[in-house]
C-alpha atoms as a PDB file:
ATOM      1  CA  MET A   1       8.403   6.510  21.749  1.00  0.00           C
ATOM      2  CA  PRO A   2       5.063   7.324  23.463  1.00  0.00           C
ATOM      3  CA  ILE A   3       2.558   4.379  23.433  1.00  0.00           C
ATOM      4  CA  PRO A   4      -1.158   5.039  24.245  1.00  0.00           C
ATOM      5  CA  GLU A   5      -2.430   3.949  27.529  1.00  0.00           C
ATOM      6  CA  ASP A   6      -5.154   1.674  26.032  1.00  0.00           C
ATOM      7  CA  VAL A   7      -2.295  -0.332  24.353  1.00  0.00           C
ATOM      8  CA  THR A   8      -1.568  -3.188  26.999  1.00  0.00           C
ATOM      9  CA  GLY A   9       0.291  -5.743  24.961  1.00  0.00           C
ATOM     10  CA  ASP A  10      -2.188  -8.270  25.360  1.00  0.00           C
ATOM     11  CA  GLU A  11      -3.485  -7.573  21.863  1.00  0.00           C
ATOM     12  CA  ILE A  12      -0.612  -9.440  20.222  1.00  0.00           C
ATOM     13  CA  ASP A  13      -1.003 -12.962  18.706  1.00  0.00           C
ATOM     14  CA  LYS A  14      -0.908 -15.873  21.320  1.00  0.00           C
ATOM     15  CA  ASP A  15       2.262 -17.335  19.432  1.00  0.00           C
ATOM     16  CA  VAL A  16       4.042 -14.109  19.762  1.00  0.00           C
ATOM     17  CA  ARG A  17       3.222 -13.737  23.375  1.00  0.00           C
ATOM     18  CA  GLN A  18       4.583 -17.360  23.770  1.00  0.00           C
ATOM     19  CA  GLU A  19       7.847 -16.248  22.341  1.00  0.00           C
ATOM     20  CA  LEU A  20       8.045 -13.429  24.661  1.00  0.00           C
ATOM     21  CA  GLN A  21       7.823 -15.537  27.766  1.00  0.00           C
ATOM     22  CA  SER A  22      11.452 -16.119  27.388  1.00  0.00           C
ATOM     23  CA  LEU A  23      11.886 -12.506  28.656  1.00  0.00           C
ATOM     24  CA  PRO A  24      11.625 -11.086  32.106  1.00  0.00           C
ATOM     25  CA  LYS A  25       7.674  -9.945  32.504  1.00  0.00           C
ATOM     26  CA  THR A  26       8.326  -6.212  32.532  1.00  0.00           C
ATOM     27  CA  LEU A  27      10.596  -6.427  29.529  1.00  0.00           C
ATOM     28  CA  ALA A  28       7.979  -8.676  27.848  1.00  0.00           C
ATOM     29  CA  GLU A  29       5.082  -6.259  28.318  1.00  0.00           C
ATOM     30  CA  ASP A  30       7.382  -3.465  26.863  1.00  0.00           C
ATOM     31  CA  VAL A  31       8.259  -5.421  23.802  1.00  0.00           C
ATOM     32  CA  ALA A  32       4.709  -6.497  23.249  1.00  0.00           C
ATOM     33  CA  ARG A  33       3.111  -2.870  23.538  1.00  0.00           C
ATOM     34  CA  ASN A  34       5.854  -1.765  20.807  1.00  0.00           C
ATOM     35  CA  LEU A  35       4.875  -4.706  18.574  1.00  0.00           C
ATOM     36  CA  VAL A  36       1.175  -3.763  18.936  1.00  0.00           C
ATOM     37  CA  MET A  37       2.005  -0.178  17.938  1.00  0.00           C
ATOM     38  CA  VAL A  38       3.871  -1.671  14.897  1.00  0.00           C
ATOM     39  CA  ALA A  39       0.839  -3.600  13.812  1.00  0.00           C
ATOM     40  CA  ARG A  40      -1.390  -0.644  14.193  1.00  0.00           C
ATOM     41  CA  LEU A  41       0.492   1.699  11.973  1.00  0.00           C
ATOM     42  CA  LEU A  42       2.190  -0.467   9.524  1.00  0.00           C
ATOM     43  CA  ASP A  43      -0.407   0.500   6.816  1.00  0.00           C
ATOM     44  CA  GLU A  44      -1.303   4.161   7.650  1.00  0.00           C
ATOM     45  CA  ASP A  45       1.958   5.385   9.032  1.00  0.00           C
ATOM     46  CA  PRO A  46       4.897   3.259   7.867  1.00  0.00           C
ATOM     47  CA  GLU A  47       7.439   5.646   9.537  1.00  0.00           C
ATOM     48  CA  GLY A  48       5.715   5.370  12.942  1.00  0.00           C
ATOM     49  CA  ALA A  49       5.612   1.579  12.673  1.00  0.00           C
ATOM     50  CA  TYR A  50       9.350   1.550  11.659  1.00  0.00           C
ATOM     51  CA  GLY A  51      10.188   3.669  14.830  1.00  0.00           C
ATOM     52  CA  TYR A  52       8.402   1.445  17.321  1.00  0.00           C
ATOM     53  CA  SER A  53       9.962  -1.645  15.615  1.00  0.00           C
ATOM     54  CA  ARG A  54      13.441  -0.121  16.200  1.00  0.00           C
ATOM     55  CA  VAL A  55      12.515   0.076  19.974  1.00  0.00           C
ATOM     56  CA  ALA A  56      11.337  -3.485  20.106  1.00  0.00           C
ATOM     57  CA  LEU A  57      14.520  -4.741  18.226  1.00  0.00           C
ATOM     58  CA  ARG A  58      16.714  -2.752  20.584  1.00  0.00           C
ATOM     59  CA  LEU A  59      14.755  -4.450  23.541  1.00  0.00           C
ATOM     60  CA  ALA A  60      14.720  -8.042  22.323  1.00  0.00           C
ATOM     61  CA  SER A  61      16.825  -8.750  19.303  1.00  0.00           C
ATOM     62  CA  ARG A  62      17.019 -12.405  19.899  1.00  0.00           C
ATOM     63  CA  VAL A  63      13.137 -12.835  19.586  1.00  0.00           C
ATOM     64  CA  ALA A  64      12.019 -14.174  16.114  1.00  0.00           C
ATOM     65  CA  ALA A  65       8.751 -12.247  16.319  1.00  0.00           C
ATOM     66  CA  VAL A  66      10.662  -8.911  16.733  1.00  0.00           C
ATOM     67  CA  ARG A  67      12.810  -9.477  14.024  1.00  0.00           C
ATOM     68  CA  GLU A  68      10.021 -10.445  11.726  1.00  0.00           C
ATOM     69  CA  ALA A  69       8.032  -7.148  12.650  1.00  0.00           C
ATOM     70  CA  ALA A  70      11.188  -5.287  12.150  1.00  0.00           C
ATOM     71  CA  GLY A  71      11.451  -6.659   8.680  1.00  0.00           C
ATOM     72  CA  PHE A  72       7.991  -5.874   7.786  1.00  0.00           C
ATOM     73  CA  ALA A  73       8.317  -2.373   9.169  1.00  0.00           C
ATOM     74  CA  ALA A  74      11.512  -1.729   7.195  1.00  0.00           C
ATOM     75  CA  TYR A  75       9.880  -3.438   4.041  1.00  0.00           C
ATOM     76  CA  ALA A  76       6.923  -0.944   4.238  1.00  0.00           C
ATOM     77  CA  ASN A  77       9.236   1.880   4.162  1.00  0.00           C
ATOM     78  CA  GLN A  78      11.377   0.453   1.241  1.00  0.00           C
ATOM     79  CA  LYS A  79      14.460  -0.308   3.273  1.00  0.00           C
ATOM     80  CA  TYR A  80      14.809  -3.471   1.480  1.00  0.00           C
ATOM     81  CA  GLY A  81      18.245  -4.443   2.395  1.00  0.00           C
ATOM     82  CA  GLU A  82      17.446  -4.017   6.103  1.00  0.00           C
ATOM     83  CA  ALA A  83      14.188  -5.803   5.788  1.00  0.00           C
ATOM     84  CA  LEU A  84      15.914  -8.725   4.073  1.00  0.00           C
ATOM     85  CA  ALA A  85      18.465  -8.913   6.860  1.00  0.00           C
ATOM     86  CA  GLU A  86      15.592  -9.168   9.468  1.00  0.00           C
ATOM     87  CA  PHE A  87      13.676 -11.618   7.594  1.00  0.00           C
ATOM     88  CA  ARG A  88      16.794 -13.860   7.146  1.00  0.00           C
ATOM     89  CA  ALA A  89      17.442 -13.704  10.958  1.00  0.00           C
ATOM     90  CA  ALA A  90      13.839 -14.709  11.713  1.00  0.00           C
ATOM     91  CA  LYS A  91      13.945 -17.557   9.218  1.00  0.00           C
ATOM     92  CA  ARG A  92      17.252 -18.665  10.865  1.00  0.00           C
ATOM     93  CA  MET A  93      15.679 -18.605  14.410  1.00  0.00           C
ATOM     94  CA  THR A  94      12.685 -20.469  13.505  1.00  0.00           C
ATOM     95  CA  GLY A  95      13.281 -22.498  10.359  1.00  0.00           C
ATOM     96  CA  ASN A  96       9.990 -21.284   9.016  1.00  0.00           C
ATOM     97  CA  ILE A  97       9.909 -20.526   5.396  1.00  0.00           C
ATOM     98  CA  ASP A  98       6.768 -18.496   5.242  1.00  0.00           C
ATOM     99  CA  LEU A  99       8.765 -15.282   4.765  1.00  0.00           C
ATOM    100  CA  TRP A 100      10.378 -16.800   1.594  1.00  0.00           C
ATOM    101  CA  PRO A 101       7.966 -14.731  -0.761  1.00  0.00           C
ATOM    102  CA  VAL A 102       8.630 -11.530   0.926  1.00  0.00           C
ATOM    103  CA  MET A 103      12.412 -12.041   0.929  1.00  0.00           C
ATOM    104  CA  ALA A 104      12.369 -12.709  -2.682  1.00  0.00           C
ATOM    105  CA  ASP A 105      10.488  -9.496  -3.255  1.00  0.00           C
ATOM    106  CA  CYS A 106      13.245  -7.606  -1.201  1.00  0.00           C
ATOM    107  CA  GLU A 107      15.713  -8.938  -3.813  1.00  0.00           C
ATOM    108  CA  ARG A 108      13.522  -7.103  -6.536  1.00  0.00           C
ATOM    109  CA  GLY A 109      13.482  -4.019  -4.331  1.00  0.00           C
ATOM    110  CA  LEU A 110      17.364  -4.157  -4.253  1.00  0.00           C
ATOM    111  CA  GLY A 111      17.462  -4.433  -8.148  1.00  0.00           C
ATOM    112  CA  ARG A 112      18.207  -8.001  -8.195  1.00  0.00           C
ATOM    113  CA  PRO A 113      15.054  -9.679 -10.098  1.00  0.00           C
ATOM    114  CA  GLU A 114      17.375 -12.758 -11.276  1.00  0.00           C
ATOM    115  CA  LYS A 115      17.864 -13.475  -7.580  1.00  0.00           C
ATOM    116  CA  ALA A 116      14.176 -13.293  -6.960  1.00  0.00           C
ATOM    117  CA  LEU A 117      13.625 -15.674  -9.910  1.00  0.00           C
ATOM    118  CA  ASP A 118      16.049 -18.178  -8.474  1.00  0.00           C
ATOM    119  CA  MET A 119      14.318 -18.109  -5.129  1.00  0.00           C
ATOM    120  CA  ALA A 120      10.864 -18.681  -7.023  1.00  0.00           C
ATOM    121  CA  GLY A 121      12.481 -21.965  -8.269  1.00  0.00           C
ATOM    122  CA  ALA A 122      14.027 -23.168  -5.220  1.00  0.00           C
ATOM    123  CA  PRO A 123      12.757 -26.188  -3.144  1.00  0.00           C
ATOM    124  CA  GLU A 124      11.324 -23.824  -0.271  1.00  0.00           C
ATOM    125  CA  VAL A 125       8.531 -22.809  -2.640  1.00  0.00           C
ATOM    126  CA  HIS A 126       7.124 -26.526  -2.256  1.00  0.00           C
ATOM    127  CA  LYS A 127       7.010 -26.104   1.386  1.00  0.00           C
ATOM    128  CA  LEU A 128       4.777 -22.962   1.275  1.00  0.00           C
ATOM    129  CA  ASP A 129       0.986 -23.070   1.791  1.00  0.00           C
ATOM    130  CA  LYS A 130      -1.198 -22.149  -1.112  1.00  0.00           C
ATOM    131  CA  ALA A 131      -1.363 -18.564  -0.099  1.00  0.00           C
ATOM    132  CA  GLY A 132       2.371 -18.401   0.007  1.00  0.00           C
ATOM    133  CA  GLN A 133       2.643 -20.126  -3.367  1.00  0.00           C
ATOM    134  CA  VAL A 134       0.400 -17.642  -4.900  1.00  0.00           C
ATOM    135  CA  GLU A 135       2.404 -14.739  -3.328  1.00  0.00           C
ATOM    136  CA  MET A 136       5.526 -16.260  -4.812  1.00  0.00           C
ATOM    137  CA  ARG A 137       4.024 -16.403  -8.179  1.00  0.00           C
ATOM    138  CA  LEU A 138       3.110 -12.726  -7.921  1.00  0.00           C
ATOM    139  CA  VAL A 139       6.802 -11.935  -7.064  1.00  0.00           C
ATOM    140  CA  ALA A 140       8.130 -14.047  -9.781  1.00  0.00           C
ATOM    141  CA  ALA A 141       5.771 -12.234 -12.454  1.00  0.00           C
ATOM    142  CA  GLY A 142       6.918  -8.941 -10.948  1.00  0.00           C
ATOM    143  CA  ALA A 143      10.519 -10.017 -11.360  1.00  0.00           C
ATOM    144  CA  ARG A 144       9.807 -10.769 -14.976  1.00  0.00           C
ATOM    145  CA  ARG A 145       8.363  -7.346 -15.662  1.00  0.00           C
ATOM    146  CA  ASP A 146      11.405  -5.861 -13.932  1.00  0.00           C
ATOM    147  CA  MET A 147      13.518  -7.725 -16.597  1.00  0.00           C
ATOM    148  CA  GLY A 148      11.077  -6.290 -19.458  1.00  0.00           C
ATOM    149  CA  GLN A 149       9.919  -9.920 -20.048  1.00  0.00           C
ATOM    150  CA  LEU A 150       6.130  -8.898 -20.236  1.00  0.00           C
ATOM    151  CA  ASP A 151       4.963 -12.150 -21.932  1.00  0.00           C
ATOM    152  CA  ALA A 152       6.886 -14.334 -19.552  1.00  0.00           C
ATOM    153  CA  ALA A 153       5.205 -12.488 -16.793  1.00  0.00           C
ATOM    154  CA  ILE A 154       1.692 -13.094 -18.054  1.00  0.00           C
ATOM    155  CA  VAL A 155       2.496 -16.779 -18.498  1.00  0.00           C
ATOM    156  CA  THR A 156       3.715 -16.869 -15.001  1.00  0.00           C
ATOM    157  CA  LEU A 157       0.456 -15.624 -13.621  1.00  0.00           C
ATOM    158  CA  GLN A 158      -1.641 -18.111 -15.668  1.00  0.00           C
ATOM    159  CA  SER A 159      -2.475 -20.663 -13.103  1.00  0.00           C
ATOM    160  CA  PRO A 160      -5.202 -22.925 -11.551  1.00  0.00           C
ATOM    161  CA  GLU A 161      -5.585 -20.089  -8.898  1.00  0.00           C
ATOM    162  CA  LEU A 162      -6.160 -17.444 -11.333  1.00  0.00           C
ATOM    163  CA  ALA A 163      -8.886 -19.534 -13.381  1.00  0.00           C
ATOM    164  CA  ALA A 164     -10.627 -20.742 -10.319  1.00  0.00           C
ATOM    165  CA  ASN A 165     -14.329 -19.466  -9.829  1.00  0.00           C
ATOM    166  CA  SER A 166     -14.045 -19.481  -5.923  1.00  0.00           C
ATOM    167  CA  VAL A 167     -12.799 -16.128  -4.218  1.00  0.00           C
ATOM    168  CA  GLN A 168      -9.784 -16.595  -1.894  1.00  0.00           C
ATOM    169  CA  PRO A 169      -7.884 -13.873   0.109  1.00  0.00           C
ATOM    170  CA  TRP A 170      -5.220 -13.563  -2.769  1.00  0.00           C
ATOM    171  CA  THR A 171      -7.703 -13.739  -5.783  1.00  0.00           C
ATOM    172  CA  ALA A 172      -8.299 -10.017  -6.263  1.00  0.00           C
ATOM    173  CA  ARG A 173      -4.450  -9.305  -6.242  1.00  0.00           C
ATOM    174  CA  LEU A 174      -3.711 -12.198  -8.556  1.00  0.00           C
ATOM    175  CA  ARG A 175      -6.437 -11.084 -11.207  1.00  0.00           C
ATOM    176  CA  TYR A 176      -5.290  -7.527 -10.822  1.00  0.00           C
ATOM    177  CA  ALA A 177      -1.506  -8.389 -11.382  1.00  0.00           C
ATOM    178  CA  TYR A 178      -2.708 -10.412 -14.496  1.00  0.00           C
ATOM    179  CA  ALA A 179      -4.813  -7.543 -15.761  1.00  0.00           C
ATOM    180  CA  ASP A 180      -2.128  -4.962 -15.239  1.00  0.00           C
ATOM    181  CA  ALA A 181       0.452  -7.228 -17.041  1.00  0.00           C
ATOM    182  CA  LEU A 182      -1.929  -7.726 -20.050  1.00  0.00           C
ATOM    183  CA  LEU A 183      -2.481  -3.772 -20.137  1.00  0.00           C
ATOM    184  CA  ALA A 184       1.166  -3.185 -20.279  1.00  0.00           C
ATOM    185  CA  ALA A 185       1.590  -5.720 -23.076  1.00  0.00           C
ATOM    186  CA  GLY A 186      -1.086  -3.592 -25.198  1.00  0.00           C
ATOM    187  CA  ARG A 187      -3.804  -6.341 -24.637  1.00  0.00           C
ATOM    188  CA  GLU A 188      -6.354  -3.810 -23.498  1.00  0.00           C
ATOM    189  CA  GLY A 189      -9.480  -5.803 -24.071  1.00  0.00           C
ATOM    190  CA  GLU A 190      -8.294  -8.757 -22.131  1.00  0.00           C
ATOM    191  CA  ALA A 191      -7.142  -6.419 -19.405  1.00  0.00           C
ATOM    192  CA  ARG A 192     -10.474  -4.721 -19.137  1.00  0.00           C
ATOM    193  CA  GLU A 193     -12.029  -8.213 -18.653  1.00  0.00           C
ATOM    194  CA  TRP A 194      -9.630  -9.200 -15.813  1.00  0.00           C
ATOM    195  CA  PHE A 195      -9.729  -5.723 -13.955  1.00  0.00           C
ATOM    196  CA  ALA A 196     -13.534  -6.574 -13.880  1.00  0.00           C
ATOM    197  CA  LYS A 197     -12.910  -9.871 -12.475  1.00  0.00           C
ATOM    198  CA  ALA A 198     -10.697  -8.357  -9.882  1.00  0.00           C
ATOM    199  CA  VAL A 199     -13.252  -5.886  -8.816  1.00  0.00           C
ATOM    200  CA  GLU A 200     -15.689  -8.822  -8.251  1.00  0.00           C
ATOM    201  CA  ALA A 201     -13.361 -10.441  -6.002  1.00  0.00           C
ATOM    202  CA  ASP A 202     -12.063  -7.326  -4.233  1.00  0.00           C
ATOM    203  CA  ARG A 203     -14.369  -7.358  -1.201  1.00  0.00           C
ATOM    204  CA  ASP A 204     -12.194  -5.267   0.931  1.00  0.00           C
ATOM    205  CA  GLY A 205     -10.725  -2.681  -1.448  1.00  0.00           C
ATOM    206  CA  SER A 206      -7.269  -4.068  -1.331  1.00  0.00           C
ATOM    207  CA  THR A 207      -6.704  -2.953  -4.921  1.00  0.00           C
ATOM    208  CA  ASP A 208      -7.660   0.142  -7.034  1.00  0.00           C
ATOM    209  CA  ALA A 209      -9.172  -2.308  -9.887  1.00  0.00           C
ATOM    210  CA  SER A 210     -12.441  -0.229  -9.969  1.00  0.00           C
ATOM    211  CA  ASP A 211     -10.496   2.888 -10.837  1.00  0.00           C
ATOM    212  CA  ARG A 212      -8.397   1.254 -13.356  1.00  0.00           C
ATOM    213  CA  LEU A 213     -11.543  -0.304 -14.973  1.00  0.00           C
ATOM    214  CA  ALA A 214     -13.233   3.176 -15.059  1.00  0.00           C
ATOM    215  CA  GLU A 215     -10.275   4.754 -16.590  1.00  0.00           C
ATOM    216  CA  LEU A 216     -10.338   1.966 -19.324  1.00  0.00           C
ATOM    217  CA  ASP A 217     -13.993   2.835 -20.027  1.00  0.00           C
ATOM    218  CA  GLY A 218     -13.337   6.513 -20.104  1.00  0.00           C
ATOM    219  CA  VAL A 219     -15.083   7.566 -16.961  1.00  0.00           C
ATOM    220  CA  GLU A 220     -14.004  10.558 -15.307  1.00  0.00           C
ATOM    221  CA  PHE A 221     -14.739  11.084 -11.544  1.00  0.00           C
ATOM    222  CA  VAL A 222     -15.450  14.751 -10.149  1.00  0.00           C
ATOM    223  CA  ASP A 223     -14.893  15.479  -6.686  1.00  0.00           C
ATOM    224  CA  ALA A 224     -18.430  16.565  -5.504  1.00  0.00           C
ATOM    225  CA  LEU A 225     -17.185  18.426  -2.629  1.00  0.00           C
ATOM    226  CA  VAL A 226     -14.883  20.636  -4.722  1.00  0.00           C
ATOM    227  CA  GLU A 227     -17.590  21.214  -7.414  1.00  0.00           C
ATOM    228  CA  ASP A 228     -20.068  22.368  -4.567  1.00  0.00           C
ATOM    229  CA  GLU A 229     -17.531  24.623  -3.174  1.00  0.00           C
ATOM    230  CA  ASP A 230     -16.912  26.305  -6.637  1.00  0.00           C
ATOM    231  CA  GLU A 231     -20.780  26.806  -7.020  1.00  0.00           C
ATOM    232  CA  ASP A 232     -20.938  28.562  -3.635  1.00  0.00           C
ATOM    233  CA  ASP A 233     -17.874  30.794  -4.458  1.00  0.00           C
ATOM    234  CA  GLU A 234     -19.659  31.706  -7.624  1.00  0.00           C
ATOM    235  CA  ALA A 235     -23.030  32.472  -5.826  1.00  0.00           C
ATOM    236  CA  GLN A 236     -21.247  34.515  -3.155  1.00  0.00           C
ATOM    237  CA  ALA A 237     -18.899  36.567  -5.426  1.00  0.00           C
ATOM    238  CA  PRO A 238     -20.313  40.000  -6.203  1.00  0.00           C
ATOM    239  CA  ASP A 239     -20.420  40.913  -9.844  1.00  0.00           C
ATOM    240  CA  SER A 240     -17.500  42.808 -10.736  1.00  0.00           C
ATOM    241  CA  PRO A 241     -18.378  46.021 -12.737  1.00  0.00           C
ATOM    242  CA  THR A 242     -17.503  46.529 -16.237  1.00  0.00           C
ATOM    243  CA  ALA A 243     -14.942  49.175 -17.187  1.00  0.00           C
ATOM    244  CA  GLU A 244     -17.692  51.351 -18.624  1.00  0.00           C
ATOM    245  CA  GLU A 245     -19.771  51.061 -15.537  1.00  0.00           C
ATOM    246  CA  ALA A 246     -16.880  51.932 -13.402  1.00  0.00           C
ATOM    247  CA  ASP A 247     -16.024  55.078 -15.436  1.00  0.00           C
ATOM    248  CA  THR A 248     -19.741  56.274 -15.087  1.00  0.00           C
ATOM    249  CA  GLU A 249     -19.726  55.627 -11.423  1.00  0.00           C
ATOM    250  CA  ALA A 250     -16.588  57.727 -11.220  1.00  0.00           C
ATOM    251  CA  ASP A 251     -18.221  60.747 -13.241  1.00  0.00           C
ATOM    252  CA  THR A 252     -21.109  60.593 -10.851  1.00  0.00           C
ATOM    253  CA  GLU A 253     -19.008  60.918  -7.977  1.00  0.00           C
ATOM    254  CA  ASP A 254     -17.027  63.866  -9.308  1.00  0.00           C
ATOM    255  CA  GLU A 255     -20.229  65.647 -10.207  1.00  0.00           C
ATOM    256  CA  ASP A 256     -21.675  65.126  -6.665  1.00  0.00           C
ATOM    257  CA  GLU A 257     -18.345  66.470  -5.233  1.00  0.00           C
ATOM    258  CA  ARG A 258     -18.470  69.602  -7.428  1.00  0.00           C
ATOM    259  CA  GLY A 259     -22.165  70.169  -6.391  1.00  0.00           C
ATOM    260  CA  ASP A 260     -21.069  70.156  -2.809  1.00  0.00           C
ATOM    261  CA  ASP A 261     -18.369  72.527  -3.394  1.00  0.00           C
ATOM    262  CA  LYS A 262     -20.824  75.050  -4.926  1.00  0.00           C
ATOM    263  CA  ASP A 263     -22.973  74.827  -1.845  1.00  0.00           C
END
């Protein structure tokens, strides 16, 4: 797959670069450039990212960072079985448990919420940092919802992290998930309150909390561009003659033609 000339491979994280040092120099550069493309495209073009991840995997399948990147690319394309296999391989290579929450979410994607809940109660969770534990809580709540256990999902999300006033990278998503679960349970008033709190914490627009809040408030958004185009079309379109005006115009033309014949 083609790679833009401005991608050198030096853009990757230093820890990944260190992993690639086990490869021949030229091969390491090729792998690095493909990994950069995976990172670039993962959010906006998951299919493209997946393609580059397969190239990197073909070149260096024994590098943990490559297996991890391939896992995230597969995950972004909802290829959950493939993603889980790659994450497991990366975990075996490094012994790192940071991927535990996303592995559990793959189990959800494969229709196995009970397995995800088992993972949420496993000893590995206690080894996760705070962000990882919050992510695991989100996955567990999602698994409860998959099983139709809305009340249990709500309770799962009730935590010190949810109640904290400080805003952390996970705060908006946690509040959003809680609001969404409340709304699904028919607790609209509480849901509105927590969607509002999610908006306050969502500084980078990672959720659509503002849209959900507006929807609850009955606010409808109109596309100003479309509205302007409609007004321009109305202004430029000539008025169509009525049927009576059309008949009169036709009679006038007939009389003019008869007059010309007499001349």
